[in-house]
Amino acid sequence: MTSLVFAASTRSHIADYVGAVFEVYLIMIFAYVVLSIMFSAGIRIPYSRWSTAVIEFLRQVVEPYLAIFRRVLPSMGPFDLSPMVATFVLIIVWRVVVSAIGG
């Protein structure tokens, strides 16, 4: 009986951890989109190492995931719908995976 309670507790902790990883990645996508819009509008501190480091880190982490959707979605001129579609897909996968782990 004790091992059953421990297993359920462990599964819920693992589900919480995986959910937190998905949440952090979702926040990173949002931050990348907001910073990209700000930088394209010219709102940037000139010669700032930290802003360049932050946007480069976010680009290296988020861009491979967004590239999947950019290959599939048609180009709509200046509008990039891939972050929106990628966010919806990420949320759906997040819910399915966390509920499958949590039981």
C-alpha atoms as a PDB file:
ATOM      1  CA  MET A   1       0.000   0.000   0.000  1.00  0.00           C
ATOM      2  CA  THR A   2       2.841   2.384   0.808  1.00  0.00           C
ATOM      3  CA  SER A   3       4.488   1.873  -2.563  1.00  0.00           C
ATOM      4  CA  LEU A   4       1.176   2.656  -4.304  1.00  0.00           C
ATOM      5  CA  VAL A   5       0.915   6.006  -2.507  1.00  0.00           C
ATOM      6  CA  PHE A   6       4.576   6.741  -3.260  1.00  0.00           C
ATOM      7  CA  ALA A   7       4.072   5.934  -6.959  1.00  0.00           C
ATOM      8  CA  ALA A   8       1.040   8.226  -7.166  1.00  0.00           C
ATOM      9  CA  SER A   9       2.962  10.984  -5.440  1.00  0.00           C
ATOM     10  CA  THR A  10       5.912  10.524  -7.775  1.00  0.00           C
ATOM     11  CA  ARG A  11       3.686  10.588 -10.863  1.00  0.00           C
ATOM     12  CA  SER A  12       2.050  13.816  -9.759  1.00  0.00           C
ATOM     13  CA  HIS A  13       5.458  15.378  -9.100  1.00  0.00           C
ATOM     14  CA  ILE A  14       6.713  14.306 -12.518  1.00  0.00           C
ATOM     15  CA  ALA A  15       3.525  15.669 -14.125  1.00  0.00           C
ATOM     16  CA  ASP A  16       4.020  18.967 -12.290  1.00  0.00           C
ATOM     17  CA  TYR A  17       7.639  19.145 -13.466  1.00  0.00           C
ATOM     18  CA  VAL A  18       6.753  18.394 -17.091  1.00  0.00           C
ATOM     19  CA  GLY A  19       3.946  20.964 -16.900  1.00  0.00           C
ATOM     20  CA  ALA A  20       6.415  23.546 -15.603  1.00  0.00           C
ATOM     21  CA  VAL A  21       8.785  22.815 -18.504  1.00  0.00           C
ATOM     22  CA  PHE A  22       5.947  23.354 -20.992  1.00  0.00           C
ATOM     23  CA  GLU A  23       4.954  26.564 -19.209  1.00  0.00           C
ATOM     24  CA  VAL A  24       8.500  27.943 -19.324  1.00  0.00           C
ATOM     25  CA  TYR A  25       8.752  27.159 -23.041  1.00  0.00           C
ATOM     26  CA  LEU A  26       5.418  28.888 -23.651  1.00  0.00           C
ATOM     27  CA  ILE A  27       6.677  31.972 -21.811  1.00  0.00           C
ATOM     28  CA  MET A  28       9.856  31.873 -23.903  1.00  0.00           C
ATOM     29  CA  ILE A  29       7.811  31.852 -27.126  1.00  0.00           C
ATOM     30  CA  PHE A  30       5.790  34.822 -25.903  1.00  0.00           C
ATOM     31  CA  ALA A  31       8.939  36.718 -24.860  1.00  0.00           C
ATOM     32  CA  TYR A  32      10.583  35.996 -28.219  1.00  0.00           C
ATOM     33  CA  VAL A  33       7.581  37.322 -30.130  1.00  0.00           C
ATOM     34  CA  VAL A  34       7.306  40.467 -27.988  1.00  0.00           C
ATOM     35  CA  LEU A  35      11.039  41.204 -28.203  1.00  0.00           C
ATOM     36  CA  SER A  36      11.056  40.590 -31.946  1.00  0.00           C
ATOM     37  CA  ILE A  37       8.224  43.068 -32.411  1.00  0.00           C
ATOM     38  CA  MET A  38       9.958  45.625 -30.206  1.00  0.00           C
ATOM     39  CA  PHE A  39      13.289  45.226 -31.986  1.00  0.00           C
ATOM     40  CA  SER A  40      11.702  45.437 -35.428  1.00  0.00           C
ATOM     41  CA  ALA A  41       9.983  48.675 -34.352  1.00  0.00           C
ATOM     42  CA  GLY A  42      13.356  50.127 -33.390  1.00  0.00           C
ATOM     43  CA  ILE A  43      12.912  49.930 -29.632  1.00  0.00           C
ATOM     44  CA  ARG A  44      16.348  48.692 -28.602  1.00  0.00           C
ATOM     45  CA  ILE A  45      19.161  49.873 -26.424  1.00  0.00           C
ATOM     46  CA  PRO A  46      22.089  50.463 -28.803  1.00  0.00           C
ATOM     47  CA  TYR A  47      25.223  48.397 -28.168  1.00  0.00           C
ATOM     48  CA  SER A  48      23.594  46.534 -25.321  1.00  0.00           C
ATOM     49  CA  ARG A  49      25.171  43.152 -24.736  1.00  0.00           C
ATOM     50  CA  TRP A  50      22.445  41.791 -22.499  1.00  0.00           C
ATOM     51  CA  SER A  51      19.612  42.535 -24.930  1.00  0.00           C
ATOM     52  CA  THR A  52      21.558  40.927 -27.761  1.00  0.00           C
ATOM     53  CA  ALA A  53      22.314  37.915 -25.557  1.00  0.00           C
ATOM     54  CA  VAL A  54      18.684  37.530 -24.491  1.00  0.00           C
ATOM     55  CA  ILE A  55      17.239  37.730 -27.999  1.00  0.00           C
ATOM     56  CA  GLU A  56      19.931  35.396 -29.359  1.00  0.00           C
ATOM     57  CA  PHE A  57      19.226  32.848 -26.609  1.00  0.00           C
ATOM     58  CA  LEU A  58      15.488  33.010 -27.263  1.00  0.00           C
ATOM     59  CA  ARG A  59      16.082  32.735 -31.014  1.00  0.00           C
ATOM     60  CA  GLN A  60      18.214  29.605 -30.606  1.00  0.00           C
ATOM     61  CA  VAL A  61      15.684  27.967 -28.282  1.00  0.00           C
ATOM     62  CA  VAL A  62      12.380  28.962 -29.914  1.00  0.00           C
ATOM     63  CA  GLU A  63      13.188  29.230 -33.611  1.00  0.00           C
ATOM     64  CA  PRO A  64      13.608  25.467 -34.300  1.00  0.00           C
ATOM     65  CA  TYR A  65      10.085  24.831 -32.973  1.00  0.00           C
ATOM     66  CA  LEU A  66       8.596  27.748 -34.897  1.00  0.00           C
ATOM     67  CA  ALA A  67      10.395  26.665 -38.084  1.00  0.00           C
ATOM     68  CA  ILE A  68       8.249  23.522 -38.170  1.00  0.00           C
ATOM     69  CA  PHE A  69       5.119  25.635 -38.497  1.00  0.00           C
ATOM     70  CA  ARG A  70       6.691  28.155 -40.864  1.00  0.00           C
ATOM     71  CA  ARG A  71       7.351  25.339 -43.340  1.00  0.00           C
ATOM     72  CA  VAL A  72       3.705  24.212 -43.208  1.00  0.00           C
ATOM     73  CA  LEU A  73       1.830  27.524 -43.005  1.00  0.00           C
ATOM     74  CA  PRO A  74       1.533  29.700 -46.103  1.00  0.00           C
ATOM     75  CA  SER A  75       3.164  33.113 -46.088  1.00  0.00           C
ATOM     76  CA  MET A  76       0.696  35.904 -45.314  1.00  0.00           C
ATOM     77  CA  GLY A  77       2.833  38.895 -46.219  1.00  0.00           C
ATOM     78  CA  PRO A  78       4.232  40.674 -43.172  1.00  0.00           C
ATOM     79  CA  PHE A  79       2.127  38.586 -40.771  1.00  0.00           C
ATOM     80  CA  ASP A  80       3.697  35.526 -39.176  1.00  0.00           C
ATOM     81  CA  LEU A  81       1.043  33.181 -37.827  1.00  0.00           C
ATOM     82  CA  SER A  82       3.481  30.449 -36.818  1.00  0.00           C
ATOM     83  CA  PRO A  83       3.862  31.600 -33.159  1.00  0.00           C
ATOM     84  CA  MET A  84       0.094  31.553 -32.687  1.00  0.00           C
ATOM     85  CA  VAL A  85      -0.364  28.092 -34.218  1.00  0.00           C
ATOM     86  CA  ALA A  86       2.724  26.798 -32.397  1.00  0.00           C
ATOM     87  CA  THR A  87       1.315  28.087 -29.106  1.00  0.00           C
ATOM     88  CA  PHE A  88      -2.018  26.335 -29.649  1.00  0.00           C
ATOM     89  CA  VAL A  89      -0.287  23.074 -30.542  1.00  0.00           C
ATOM     90  CA  LEU A  90       2.032  23.386 -27.545  1.00  0.00           C
ATOM     91  CA  ILE A  91      -0.897  23.933 -25.177  1.00  0.00           C
ATOM     92  CA  ILE A  92      -2.764  20.914 -26.555  1.00  0.00           C
ATOM     93  CA  VAL A  93       0.322  18.692 -26.272  1.00  0.00           C
ATOM     94  CA  TRP A  94       1.007  20.095 -22.797  1.00  0.00           C
ATOM     95  CA  ARG A  95      -2.473  19.127 -21.559  1.00  0.00           C
ATOM     96  CA  VAL A  96      -2.347  15.667 -23.131  1.00  0.00           C
ATOM     97  CA  VAL A  97       1.126  14.815 -21.840  1.00  0.00           C
ATOM     98  CA  VAL A  98       0.579  16.117 -18.325  1.00  0.00           C
ATOM     99  CA  SER A  99      -2.761  14.325 -17.980  1.00  0.00           C
ATOM    100  CA  ALA A 100      -1.223  11.089 -19.335  1.00  0.00           C
ATOM    101  CA  ILE A 101       1.620  11.281 -16.819  1.00  0.00           C
ATOM    102  CA  GLY A 102      -0.560  12.384 -13.915  1.00  0.00           C
ATOM    103  CA  GLY A 103      -3.115   9.685 -14.487  1.00  0.00           C
END
